[in-house]
């Protein structure tokens, strides 16, 4: 399961948050459960991610921190769904976004509907 979780987190961090692929993969590998990622706090990101020996392994810019926290609070990942279901939803968002860009639709003006409006964030 953690392999799927790491793939999901690496995908959303790269495609939806906009982090570089290498940084996304490194960051994703630090989480054992989706809940752990969704409960991430700004202070943790500001202090950087430490290696096993305690040295800082990853640092984030203020912009990256804001984007990560905005994604977490967006409700696009849900604890009520399996990792596979969350991954599928993310792949669909990415595909739809790329198709809209190819059609010349300004995706910035489209309000994205919540996939699961009855679930609380």
Foldseek 3Di string as FASTA:
>chain_A
DLVLQLVLQLLCCCQVLNDDSVLSSVVSNVDDDPVVLLPDDLVDQCVADADPVGHHDGHDDPSSSVSSNCVSVVQLDDPVDDSVVSSVSSVVVSVVVVVCVVVVHDPVPDDDDDPCVVDDD
